[in-house]
N, C-alpha and C. Protein backbone atom coordinates (compact mmCIF):
# COMPACT_ATOMS: atom_id res chain seq x y z
N UNK A 1 -23.64 11.47 -1.23
CA UNK A 1 -23.05 12.23 -2.30
C UNK A 1 -21.92 11.40 -2.92
N UNK A 2 -21.90 11.26 -4.21
CA UNK A 2 -20.85 10.53 -4.92
C UNK A 2 -19.68 11.48 -5.15
N UNK A 3 -18.49 11.10 -4.66
CA UNK A 3 -17.32 11.96 -4.83
C UNK A 3 -16.31 11.38 -5.81
N UNK A 4 -16.47 10.12 -6.19
CA UNK A 4 -15.61 9.50 -7.21
C UNK A 4 -16.48 8.55 -8.02
N UNK A 5 -16.39 8.62 -9.32
CA UNK A 5 -17.23 7.80 -10.17
C UNK A 5 -18.57 8.47 -10.40
N UNK A 6 -19.49 7.72 -10.98
CA UNK A 6 -20.84 8.21 -11.21
C UNK A 6 -21.82 7.18 -10.66
N UNK A 7 -22.81 7.66 -9.94
CA UNK A 7 -23.77 6.78 -9.30
C UNK A 7 -24.45 5.88 -10.32
N UNK A 8 -24.45 4.57 -10.02
CA UNK A 8 -25.14 3.59 -10.86
C UNK A 8 -24.39 3.18 -12.12
N UNK A 9 -23.18 3.69 -12.33
CA UNK A 9 -22.42 3.34 -13.53
C UNK A 9 -21.07 2.75 -13.12
N UNK A 10 -20.52 1.89 -13.98
CA UNK A 10 -19.20 1.36 -13.71
C UNK A 10 -18.40 1.31 -15.00
N UNK A 11 -17.09 1.19 -14.85
CA UNK A 11 -16.17 1.17 -15.98
C UNK A 11 -16.40 -0.11 -16.79
N UNK A 12 -16.66 0.00 -18.10
CA UNK A 12 -16.89 -1.20 -18.91
C UNK A 12 -15.60 -1.97 -19.13
N UNK A 13 -15.75 -3.27 -19.35
CA UNK A 13 -14.62 -4.13 -19.67
C UNK A 13 -14.36 -4.09 -21.16
N UNK A 14 -13.10 -3.94 -21.54
CA UNK A 14 -12.73 -3.98 -22.95
C UNK A 14 -12.34 -5.41 -23.27
N UNK A 15 -13.05 -6.04 -24.18
CA UNK A 15 -12.76 -7.40 -24.62
C UNK A 15 -12.23 -7.33 -26.04
N UNK A 16 -10.92 -7.60 -26.26
CA UNK A 16 -10.35 -7.45 -27.60
C UNK A 16 -10.98 -8.37 -28.64
N UNK A 17 -11.55 -9.49 -28.23
CA UNK A 17 -12.20 -10.39 -29.19
C UNK A 17 -13.62 -9.93 -29.51
N UNK A 18 -14.35 -9.56 -28.48
CA UNK A 18 -15.73 -9.13 -28.67
C UNK A 18 -15.79 -7.75 -29.32
N UNK A 19 -14.87 -6.86 -28.95
CA UNK A 19 -14.87 -5.49 -29.43
C UNK A 19 -13.87 -5.30 -30.57
N UNK A 20 -13.78 -6.29 -31.44
CA UNK A 20 -12.76 -6.29 -32.49
C UNK A 20 -12.90 -5.14 -33.48
N UNK A 21 -14.13 -4.64 -33.66
CA UNK A 21 -14.34 -3.55 -34.61
C UNK A 21 -14.12 -2.17 -33.99
N UNK A 22 -13.82 -2.12 -32.69
CA UNK A 22 -13.58 -0.85 -32.02
C UNK A 22 -12.08 -0.61 -31.90
N UNK A 23 -11.66 0.63 -31.84
CA UNK A 23 -10.23 0.90 -31.68
C UNK A 23 -9.73 0.36 -30.34
N UNK A 24 -8.50 -0.13 -30.32
CA UNK A 24 -7.92 -0.70 -29.11
C UNK A 24 -7.42 0.42 -28.20
N UNK A 25 -8.31 0.90 -27.36
CA UNK A 25 -7.94 1.96 -26.42
C UNK A 25 -8.79 1.82 -25.17
N UNK A 26 -8.41 2.54 -24.16
CA UNK A 26 -9.17 2.51 -22.92
C UNK A 26 -10.53 3.16 -23.13
N UNK A 27 -11.55 2.75 -22.37
CA UNK A 27 -12.88 3.35 -22.51
C UNK A 27 -12.85 4.85 -22.25
N UNK A 28 -13.75 5.57 -22.91
CA UNK A 28 -13.79 7.03 -22.73
C UNK A 28 -14.17 7.42 -21.31
N UNK A 29 -14.76 6.49 -20.56
CA UNK A 29 -15.13 6.76 -19.17
C UNK A 29 -13.94 6.66 -18.22
N UNK A 30 -12.76 6.26 -18.74
CA UNK A 30 -11.57 6.12 -17.92
C UNK A 30 -11.28 7.42 -17.18
N UNK A 31 -11.01 7.31 -15.88
CA UNK A 31 -10.74 8.49 -15.07
C UNK A 31 -11.98 9.12 -14.49
N UNK A 32 -13.15 8.56 -14.81
CA UNK A 32 -14.41 9.07 -14.28
C UNK A 32 -15.13 7.97 -13.52
N UNK A 33 -15.27 6.79 -14.15
CA UNK A 33 -16.00 5.68 -13.55
C UNK A 33 -15.05 4.72 -12.84
N UNK A 34 -15.61 3.96 -11.94
CA UNK A 34 -14.88 2.92 -11.21
C UNK A 34 -15.54 1.58 -11.48
N UNK A 35 -14.76 0.51 -11.40
CA UNK A 35 -15.32 -0.81 -11.63
C UNK A 35 -15.69 -1.49 -10.31
N UNK A 36 -14.72 -1.71 -9.46
CA UNK A 36 -14.96 -2.31 -8.15
C UNK A 36 -14.05 -1.68 -7.11
N UNK A 37 -14.40 -0.48 -6.64
CA UNK A 37 -13.54 0.15 -5.64
C UNK A 37 -13.50 -0.69 -4.36
N UNK A 38 -12.29 -0.88 -3.84
CA UNK A 38 -12.14 -1.73 -2.67
C UNK A 38 -11.56 -1.02 -1.46
N UNK A 39 -10.89 0.11 -1.68
CA UNK A 39 -10.30 0.85 -0.57
C UNK A 39 -10.13 2.30 -0.99
N UNK A 40 -10.03 3.17 -0.01
CA UNK A 40 -9.88 4.60 -0.27
C UNK A 40 -9.05 5.20 0.87
N UNK A 41 -8.22 6.17 0.53
CA UNK A 41 -7.48 6.91 1.55
C UNK A 41 -7.14 8.28 0.99
N UNK A 42 -6.60 9.13 1.83
CA UNK A 42 -6.24 10.48 1.41
C UNK A 42 -4.73 10.57 1.26
N UNK A 43 -4.26 11.26 0.21
CA UNK A 43 -2.82 11.43 0.04
C UNK A 43 -2.35 12.67 0.79
N UNK A 44 -1.06 12.97 0.71
CA UNK A 44 -0.49 14.09 1.47
C UNK A 44 -1.00 15.45 1.01
N UNK A 45 -1.53 15.51 -0.22
CA UNK A 45 -2.05 16.79 -0.76
C UNK A 45 -3.57 16.85 -0.67
N UNK A 46 -4.15 15.99 0.15
CA UNK A 46 -5.59 15.93 0.40
C UNK A 46 -6.40 15.47 -0.81
N UNK A 47 -5.75 14.79 -1.74
CA UNK A 47 -6.46 14.15 -2.84
C UNK A 47 -6.98 12.80 -2.37
N UNK A 48 -8.00 12.29 -3.03
CA UNK A 48 -8.58 11.02 -2.66
C UNK A 48 -8.01 9.92 -3.55
N UNK A 49 -7.41 8.91 -2.94
CA UNK A 49 -6.88 7.76 -3.67
C UNK A 49 -7.88 6.63 -3.58
N UNK A 50 -8.26 6.10 -4.74
CA UNK A 50 -9.23 5.01 -4.80
C UNK A 50 -8.56 3.79 -5.42
N UNK A 51 -8.58 2.69 -4.67
CA UNK A 51 -8.06 1.43 -5.17
C UNK A 51 -9.21 0.69 -5.84
N UNK A 52 -9.04 0.34 -7.11
CA UNK A 52 -10.06 -0.41 -7.86
C UNK A 52 -9.57 -1.85 -7.96
N UNK A 53 -10.23 -2.74 -7.22
CA UNK A 53 -9.79 -4.13 -7.13
C UNK A 53 -9.81 -4.82 -8.48
N UNK A 54 -10.90 -4.72 -9.24
CA UNK A 54 -11.00 -5.39 -10.54
C UNK A 54 -9.96 -4.88 -11.53
N UNK A 55 -9.73 -3.59 -11.53
CA UNK A 55 -8.81 -2.99 -12.48
C UNK A 55 -7.35 -3.10 -12.03
N UNK A 56 -7.12 -3.44 -10.77
CA UNK A 56 -5.75 -3.51 -10.26
C UNK A 56 -5.08 -2.15 -10.33
N UNK A 57 -5.82 -1.12 -9.94
CA UNK A 57 -5.30 0.24 -10.11
C UNK A 57 -5.56 1.10 -8.87
N UNK A 58 -4.78 2.18 -8.79
CA UNK A 58 -5.02 3.23 -7.80
C UNK A 58 -5.13 4.52 -8.60
N UNK A 59 -6.23 5.25 -8.39
CA UNK A 59 -6.45 6.51 -9.08
C UNK A 59 -6.57 7.63 -8.06
N UNK A 60 -6.10 8.81 -8.45
CA UNK A 60 -6.19 9.98 -7.58
C UNK A 60 -7.28 10.90 -8.11
N UNK A 61 -8.28 11.15 -7.28
CA UNK A 61 -9.37 12.06 -7.61
C UNK A 61 -9.17 13.36 -6.84
N UNK A 62 -9.32 14.48 -7.53
CA UNK A 62 -9.26 15.78 -6.86
C UNK A 62 -10.12 16.76 -7.65
N UNK A 63 -11.12 17.28 -7.01
CA UNK A 63 -11.99 18.25 -7.68
C UNK A 63 -12.81 17.63 -8.79
N UNK A 64 -13.06 18.41 -9.82
CA UNK A 64 -13.93 17.98 -10.91
C UNK A 64 -13.18 17.45 -12.12
N UNK A 65 -11.86 17.26 -12.01
CA UNK A 65 -11.09 16.77 -13.15
C UNK A 65 -11.09 15.25 -13.17
N UNK A 66 -10.71 14.69 -14.31
CA UNK A 66 -10.59 13.23 -14.41
C UNK A 66 -9.52 12.75 -13.45
N UNK A 67 -9.70 11.54 -12.97
CA UNK A 67 -8.72 10.96 -12.06
C UNK A 67 -7.43 10.66 -12.80
N UNK A 68 -6.33 10.70 -12.07
CA UNK A 68 -5.03 10.33 -12.62
C UNK A 68 -4.70 8.93 -12.10
N UNK A 69 -4.31 8.03 -13.00
CA UNK A 69 -3.92 6.69 -12.61
C UNK A 69 -2.48 6.71 -12.09
N UNK A 70 -2.30 6.28 -10.84
CA UNK A 70 -0.97 6.23 -10.22
C UNK A 70 -0.40 4.81 -10.26
N UNK A 71 -1.26 3.82 -10.16
CA UNK A 71 -0.90 2.41 -10.26
C UNK A 71 -1.88 1.79 -11.24
N UNK A 72 -1.40 1.09 -12.26
CA UNK A 72 -0.02 0.71 -12.53
C UNK A 72 0.82 1.89 -13.01
N UNK A 73 2.13 1.75 -12.79
CA UNK A 73 3.08 2.78 -13.20
C UNK A 73 2.95 2.99 -14.70
N UNK A 74 2.82 4.23 -15.12
CA UNK A 74 2.67 4.53 -16.54
C UNK A 74 1.23 4.53 -17.02
N UNK A 75 0.28 4.20 -16.14
CA UNK A 75 -1.13 4.20 -16.51
C UNK A 75 -1.65 2.83 -16.90
N UNK A 76 -2.95 2.76 -17.09
CA UNK A 76 -3.60 1.50 -17.43
C UNK A 76 -3.37 1.14 -18.89
N UNK A 77 -3.57 -0.13 -19.17
CA UNK A 77 -3.45 -0.64 -20.54
C UNK A 77 -4.52 -1.69 -20.74
N UNK A 78 -4.99 -1.84 -21.97
CA UNK A 78 -5.94 -2.91 -22.24
C UNK A 78 -5.21 -4.23 -22.44
N UNK A 79 -3.90 -4.18 -22.61
CA UNK A 79 -3.09 -5.38 -22.81
C UNK A 79 -2.47 -5.78 -21.48
N UNK A 80 -3.19 -6.55 -20.69
CA UNK A 80 -2.64 -7.00 -19.43
C UNK A 80 -2.93 -8.48 -19.25
N UNK A 81 -2.08 -9.12 -18.52
CA UNK A 81 -2.21 -10.55 -18.26
C UNK A 81 -2.03 -10.78 -16.78
N UNK A 82 -2.95 -11.51 -16.16
CA UNK A 82 -2.81 -11.78 -14.74
C UNK A 82 -1.62 -12.70 -14.48
N UNK A 83 -1.07 -13.32 -15.53
CA UNK A 83 0.11 -14.16 -15.37
C UNK A 83 1.41 -13.38 -15.34
N UNK A 84 1.37 -12.11 -15.71
CA UNK A 84 2.58 -11.28 -15.74
C UNK A 84 2.96 -10.90 -14.30
N UNK A 85 4.23 -11.13 -13.91
CA UNK A 85 4.62 -10.87 -12.52
C UNK A 85 4.56 -9.40 -12.12
N UNK A 86 4.63 -8.48 -13.07
CA UNK A 86 4.62 -7.05 -12.73
C UNK A 86 3.21 -6.49 -12.54
N UNK A 87 2.19 -7.26 -12.89
CA UNK A 87 0.80 -6.79 -12.79
C UNK A 87 0.30 -6.93 -11.36
N UNK A 88 -0.36 -5.89 -10.87
CA UNK A 88 -1.01 -5.93 -9.56
C UNK A 88 -2.33 -6.68 -9.75
N UNK A 89 -2.53 -7.73 -8.96
CA UNK A 89 -3.69 -8.60 -9.14
C UNK A 89 -4.63 -8.53 -7.93
N UNK A 90 -5.83 -8.08 -8.18
CA UNK A 90 -6.88 -7.99 -7.16
C UNK A 90 -6.39 -7.41 -5.84
N UNK A 91 -5.85 -6.19 -5.87
CA UNK A 91 -5.38 -5.57 -4.63
C UNK A 91 -6.54 -5.28 -3.70
N UNK A 92 -6.26 -5.32 -2.40
CA UNK A 92 -7.32 -5.10 -1.41
C UNK A 92 -7.08 -3.88 -0.53
N UNK A 93 -5.85 -3.39 -0.46
CA UNK A 93 -5.59 -2.27 0.44
C UNK A 93 -4.57 -1.30 -0.11
N UNK A 94 -4.76 -0.02 0.21
CA UNK A 94 -3.80 1.02 -0.17
C UNK A 94 -3.67 1.99 1.00
N UNK A 95 -2.45 2.44 1.24
CA UNK A 95 -2.19 3.46 2.24
C UNK A 95 -1.03 4.32 1.74
N UNK A 96 -0.85 5.46 2.38
CA UNK A 96 0.19 6.40 1.97
C UNK A 96 1.26 6.46 3.05
N UNK A 97 2.52 6.33 2.63
CA UNK A 97 3.66 6.43 3.55
C UNK A 97 3.92 7.90 3.87
N UNK A 98 4.65 8.20 4.94
CA UNK A 98 4.94 9.59 5.29
C UNK A 98 5.63 10.38 4.18
N UNK A 99 6.38 9.70 3.29
CA UNK A 99 7.06 10.40 2.19
C UNK A 99 6.18 10.52 0.95
N UNK A 100 4.93 10.03 1.03
CA UNK A 100 4.01 10.12 -0.11
C UNK A 100 3.98 8.88 -0.97
N UNK A 101 4.84 7.89 -0.69
CA UNK A 101 4.83 6.64 -1.45
C UNK A 101 3.52 5.90 -1.21
N UNK A 102 3.11 5.10 -2.18
CA UNK A 102 1.89 4.31 -2.06
C UNK A 102 2.25 2.89 -1.64
N UNK A 103 1.59 2.39 -0.62
CA UNK A 103 1.78 1.02 -0.16
C UNK A 103 0.53 0.26 -0.57
N UNK A 104 0.69 -0.78 -1.41
CA UNK A 104 -0.45 -1.51 -1.98
C UNK A 104 -0.35 -2.99 -1.62
N UNK A 105 -1.44 -3.54 -1.09
CA UNK A 105 -1.53 -4.98 -0.87
C UNK A 105 -1.91 -5.63 -2.19
N UNK A 106 -0.95 -6.26 -2.83
CA UNK A 106 -1.15 -6.98 -4.09
C UNK A 106 -1.63 -8.37 -3.71
N UNK A 107 -2.90 -8.47 -3.39
CA UNK A 107 -3.48 -9.62 -2.72
C UNK A 107 -3.24 -10.94 -3.44
N UNK A 108 -3.60 -11.04 -4.71
CA UNK A 108 -3.47 -12.32 -5.41
C UNK A 108 -2.03 -12.66 -5.76
N UNK A 109 -1.12 -11.71 -5.63
CA UNK A 109 0.31 -11.99 -5.84
C UNK A 109 1.03 -12.24 -4.51
N UNK A 110 0.29 -12.17 -3.40
CA UNK A 110 0.81 -12.50 -2.07
C UNK A 110 2.00 -11.63 -1.67
N UNK A 111 1.86 -10.33 -1.90
CA UNK A 111 2.95 -9.42 -1.59
C UNK A 111 2.41 -8.03 -1.26
N UNK A 112 3.27 -7.21 -0.67
CA UNK A 112 2.96 -5.80 -0.41
C UNK A 112 4.01 -4.99 -1.16
N UNK A 113 3.54 -4.03 -1.95
CA UNK A 113 4.42 -3.24 -2.81
C UNK A 113 4.50 -1.78 -2.36
N UNK A 114 5.64 -1.16 -2.62
CA UNK A 114 5.82 0.27 -2.38
C UNK A 114 6.07 0.93 -3.73
N UNK A 115 5.16 1.82 -4.11
CA UNK A 115 5.29 2.62 -5.33
C UNK A 115 5.85 3.98 -4.93
N UNK A 116 6.83 4.46 -5.67
CA UNK A 116 7.47 5.75 -5.37
C UNK A 116 6.42 6.86 -5.31
N UNK A 117 6.70 7.91 -4.54
CA UNK A 117 5.74 9.02 -4.45
C UNK A 117 5.41 9.60 -5.82
N UNK A 118 4.13 9.85 -6.10
CA UNK A 118 3.76 10.48 -7.36
C UNK A 118 4.47 11.83 -7.50
N UNK A 119 5.00 12.09 -8.69
CA UNK A 119 5.69 13.34 -8.95
C UNK A 119 7.17 13.32 -8.60
N UNK A 120 7.64 12.22 -8.00
CA UNK A 120 9.06 12.13 -7.64
C UNK A 120 9.89 11.68 -8.84
N UNK A 121 11.19 11.79 -8.74
CA UNK A 121 12.09 11.36 -9.81
C UNK A 121 12.00 9.85 -10.04
N UNK A 122 11.60 9.10 -9.01
CA UNK A 122 11.51 7.64 -9.09
C UNK A 122 10.13 7.15 -9.50
N UNK A 123 9.22 8.05 -9.79
CA UNK A 123 7.81 7.70 -10.03
C UNK A 123 7.62 6.58 -11.06
N UNK A 124 8.42 6.55 -12.12
CA UNK A 124 8.22 5.58 -13.19
C UNK A 124 8.96 4.25 -12.95
N UNK A 125 9.66 4.13 -11.85
CA UNK A 125 10.38 2.89 -11.55
C UNK A 125 9.42 1.80 -11.09
N UNK A 126 9.86 0.56 -11.23
CA UNK A 126 9.06 -0.57 -10.77
C UNK A 126 8.90 -0.47 -9.25
N UNK A 127 7.79 -0.97 -8.73
CA UNK A 127 7.60 -0.91 -7.28
C UNK A 127 8.56 -1.85 -6.56
N UNK A 128 8.84 -1.53 -5.31
CA UNK A 128 9.67 -2.38 -4.46
C UNK A 128 8.77 -3.34 -3.69
N UNK A 129 9.21 -4.56 -3.52
CA UNK A 129 8.48 -5.54 -2.72
C UNK A 129 8.88 -5.33 -1.26
N UNK A 130 7.91 -4.95 -0.43
CA UNK A 130 8.17 -4.72 0.99
C UNK A 130 8.00 -5.99 1.81
N UNK A 131 7.08 -6.86 1.37
CA UNK A 131 6.79 -8.08 2.12
C UNK A 131 6.21 -9.12 1.17
N UNK A 132 6.45 -10.39 1.52
CA UNK A 132 5.94 -11.49 0.71
C UNK A 132 6.86 -11.84 -0.43
N UNK A 133 6.52 -12.93 -1.08
CA UNK A 133 7.28 -13.40 -2.25
C UNK A 133 6.34 -13.34 -3.44
N UNK A 134 6.72 -12.62 -4.50
CA UNK A 134 5.83 -12.45 -5.65
C UNK A 134 5.29 -13.77 -6.20
N UNK A 135 3.97 -13.84 -6.31
CA UNK A 135 3.26 -14.98 -6.91
C UNK A 135 3.54 -16.30 -6.22
N UNK A 136 3.91 -16.25 -4.93
CA UNK A 136 4.17 -17.45 -4.15
C UNK A 136 3.58 -17.25 -2.76
N UNK A 137 2.63 -18.09 -2.39
CA UNK A 137 2.09 -17.97 -1.04
C UNK A 137 2.73 -19.03 -0.15
N UNK A 138 2.70 -18.79 1.14
CA UNK A 138 3.25 -19.77 2.06
C UNK A 138 3.01 -19.36 3.49
N UNK A 139 3.46 -20.21 4.41
CA UNK A 139 3.21 -20.00 5.83
C UNK A 139 4.45 -19.64 6.63
N UNK A 140 5.59 -19.53 5.97
CA UNK A 140 6.81 -19.16 6.68
C UNK A 140 6.75 -17.67 7.03
N UNK A 141 7.65 -17.26 7.93
CA UNK A 141 7.62 -15.88 8.43
C UNK A 141 7.77 -14.84 7.33
N UNK A 142 8.46 -15.17 6.25
CA UNK A 142 8.69 -14.20 5.16
C UNK A 142 7.64 -14.30 4.06
N UNK A 143 6.66 -15.19 4.21
CA UNK A 143 5.65 -15.39 3.18
C UNK A 143 4.28 -14.88 3.64
N UNK A 144 3.44 -14.57 2.65
CA UNK A 144 2.07 -14.13 2.90
C UNK A 144 1.11 -14.99 2.08
N UNK A 145 -0.15 -14.98 2.49
CA UNK A 145 -1.20 -15.67 1.75
C UNK A 145 -2.42 -14.75 1.67
N UNK A 146 -2.56 -14.07 0.56
CA UNK A 146 -3.67 -13.15 0.29
C UNK A 146 -3.74 -12.01 1.32
N UNK A 147 -2.69 -11.19 1.41
CA UNK A 147 -2.73 -10.05 2.33
C UNK A 147 -3.82 -9.07 1.93
N UNK A 148 -4.48 -8.49 2.94
CA UNK A 148 -5.62 -7.63 2.62
C UNK A 148 -5.47 -6.19 3.11
N UNK A 149 -4.53 -5.94 4.00
CA UNK A 149 -4.37 -4.59 4.54
C UNK A 149 -2.95 -4.43 5.06
N UNK A 150 -2.40 -3.24 4.90
CA UNK A 150 -1.06 -2.96 5.42
C UNK A 150 -1.00 -1.51 5.88
N UNK A 151 -0.30 -1.29 6.98
CA UNK A 151 -0.07 0.06 7.48
C UNK A 151 1.38 0.17 7.94
N UNK A 152 1.86 1.39 8.05
CA UNK A 152 3.19 1.62 8.59
C UNK A 152 3.07 2.05 10.04
N UNK A 153 3.84 1.40 10.90
CA UNK A 153 3.91 1.72 12.32
C UNK A 153 4.72 3.01 12.49
N UNK A 154 4.69 3.59 13.68
CA UNK A 154 5.42 4.84 13.95
C UNK A 154 6.92 4.68 13.72
N UNK A 155 7.47 3.47 13.93
CA UNK A 155 8.91 3.25 13.74
C UNK A 155 9.25 2.83 12.31
N UNK A 156 8.26 2.84 11.42
CA UNK A 156 8.50 2.48 10.02
C UNK A 156 8.28 1.02 9.71
N UNK A 157 7.92 0.22 10.72
CA UNK A 157 7.63 -1.19 10.47
C UNK A 157 6.33 -1.33 9.70
N UNK A 158 6.26 -2.36 8.88
CA UNK A 158 5.08 -2.64 8.08
C UNK A 158 4.24 -3.69 8.80
N UNK A 159 2.98 -3.38 9.08
CA UNK A 159 2.06 -4.33 9.68
C UNK A 159 1.12 -4.81 8.59
N UNK A 160 1.01 -6.14 8.44
CA UNK A 160 0.24 -6.72 7.34
C UNK A 160 -0.81 -7.69 7.87
N UNK A 161 -2.05 -7.52 7.42
CA UNK A 161 -3.10 -8.50 7.70
C UNK A 161 -2.92 -9.62 6.69
N UNK A 162 -2.31 -10.72 7.15
CA UNK A 162 -2.01 -11.89 6.33
C UNK A 162 -3.24 -12.80 6.37
N UNK A 163 -4.23 -12.45 5.59
CA UNK A 163 -5.59 -12.96 5.71
C UNK A 163 -5.70 -14.49 5.74
N UNK A 164 -5.22 -15.17 4.72
CA UNK A 164 -5.42 -16.62 4.67
C UNK A 164 -4.46 -17.39 5.57
N UNK A 165 -3.50 -16.71 6.18
CA UNK A 165 -2.66 -17.35 7.19
C UNK A 165 -3.15 -17.03 8.60
N UNK A 166 -4.23 -16.27 8.71
CA UNK A 166 -4.90 -16.00 9.99
C UNK A 166 -3.96 -15.33 11.00
N UNK A 167 -3.22 -14.31 10.53
CA UNK A 167 -2.27 -13.65 11.43
C UNK A 167 -1.99 -12.22 10.98
N UNK A 168 -1.43 -11.45 11.90
CA UNK A 168 -0.93 -10.11 11.60
C UNK A 168 0.59 -10.18 11.70
N UNK A 169 1.28 -9.81 10.62
CA UNK A 169 2.73 -9.90 10.55
C UNK A 169 3.36 -8.51 10.66
N UNK A 170 4.49 -8.43 11.33
CA UNK A 170 5.25 -7.18 11.47
C UNK A 170 6.60 -7.35 10.79
N UNK A 171 6.83 -6.54 9.75
CA UNK A 171 8.11 -6.53 9.04
C UNK A 171 8.85 -5.26 9.44
N UNK A 172 10.01 -5.40 10.06
CA UNK A 172 10.81 -4.23 10.41
C UNK A 172 11.35 -3.60 9.13
N UNK A 173 11.69 -2.30 9.17
CA UNK A 173 12.21 -1.64 7.97
C UNK A 173 13.39 -2.41 7.36
N UNK A 174 13.38 -2.55 6.05
CA UNK A 174 14.44 -3.22 5.29
C UNK A 174 14.63 -4.68 5.66
N UNK A 175 13.57 -5.34 6.14
CA UNK A 175 13.65 -6.76 6.49
C UNK A 175 12.55 -7.53 5.79
N UNK A 176 12.88 -8.70 5.28
CA UNK A 176 11.89 -9.57 4.65
C UNK A 176 11.34 -10.60 5.64
N UNK A 177 11.91 -10.69 6.82
CA UNK A 177 11.43 -11.61 7.85
C UNK A 177 10.44 -10.88 8.75
N UNK A 178 9.44 -11.60 9.20
CA UNK A 178 8.40 -10.98 10.01
C UNK A 178 8.23 -11.71 11.34
N UNK A 179 7.63 -11.00 12.28
CA UNK A 179 7.20 -11.62 13.52
C UNK A 179 5.68 -11.53 13.56
N UNK A 180 5.07 -12.48 14.22
CA UNK A 180 3.61 -12.52 14.31
C UNK A 180 3.17 -11.72 15.53
N UNK A 181 2.32 -10.71 15.30
CA UNK A 181 1.81 -9.87 16.39
C UNK A 181 0.49 -10.38 16.94
N UNK A 182 -0.33 -10.95 16.07
CA UNK A 182 -1.64 -11.45 16.48
C UNK A 182 -1.97 -12.66 15.62
N UNK A 183 -2.78 -13.54 16.17
CA UNK A 183 -3.08 -14.77 15.45
C UNK A 183 -2.02 -15.81 15.77
N UNK A 184 -1.91 -16.78 14.90
CA UNK A 184 -1.01 -17.91 15.13
C UNK A 184 0.20 -17.85 14.20
N UNK A 185 1.40 -17.95 14.76
CA UNK A 185 2.61 -17.97 13.92
C UNK A 185 2.67 -19.23 13.08
N UNK A 186 1.92 -20.27 13.48
CA UNK A 186 1.86 -21.51 12.68
C UNK A 186 0.65 -21.50 11.74
N UNK A 187 -0.02 -20.36 11.65
CA UNK A 187 -1.14 -20.14 10.72
C UNK A 187 -2.38 -20.94 11.09
N UNK A 188 -2.52 -21.27 12.37
CA UNK A 188 -3.70 -22.00 12.83
C UNK A 188 -4.89 -21.05 12.85
N UNK A 189 -5.98 -21.52 12.29
CA UNK A 189 -7.21 -20.73 12.24
C UNK A 189 -7.93 -20.81 13.58
N UNK A 190 -8.32 -19.66 14.12
CA UNK A 190 -9.10 -19.64 15.34
C UNK A 190 -10.53 -20.08 15.06
N UNK A 191 -11.12 -20.82 15.99
CA UNK A 191 -12.49 -21.28 15.77
C UNK A 191 -13.42 -20.92 16.91
N UNK A 192 -12.95 -20.05 17.80
CA UNK A 192 -13.80 -19.62 18.90
C UNK A 192 -13.35 -18.24 19.35
N UNK A 193 -14.18 -17.58 20.13
CA UNK A 193 -13.84 -16.24 20.59
C UNK A 193 -12.64 -16.22 21.52
N UNK A 194 -12.38 -17.32 22.23
CA UNK A 194 -11.28 -17.35 23.18
C UNK A 194 -9.94 -17.72 22.55
N UNK A 195 -9.90 -18.01 21.25
CA UNK A 195 -8.63 -18.38 20.59
C UNK A 195 -8.02 -17.22 19.88
């Protein structure tokens, strides 16, 4: 059973050069179709959050109404540039914090972001960087390389699957430095089951 999107259909790409004779607006299928869903989780109000990797967005689906775009802040736009530092680029993971905030792995920007809880007074503010350095990858304890998943530990620490560094990093609350929980702190790739 399809619970988000429509079976066999996907969100079309708007090309401003190719579609020059069409009005510059989001497709009418916006809020119904998905392009490349990469992750899904439930929010505190039992709504379904769908992360769309291609669109760099998180949408909330509930019932038979159109989805609401929660990320990017303020909704989607056809005017986006992957070079812009505020744009979420090919995110791979989304989870919900105990306060309802959205934690997003901004994979191609090598960072993990915290978006304020939907409906809060801070909802329209820019996201906070919880881990990594925006648009800079590296192997130091405070850097990430294509993070793909993040969760919050019971004590509020952020655990990050630092994919291309072959490690799991633990960031304590309000800290940009991490410790390696699994894998190699020197980012050595394992090549056997015993490593």
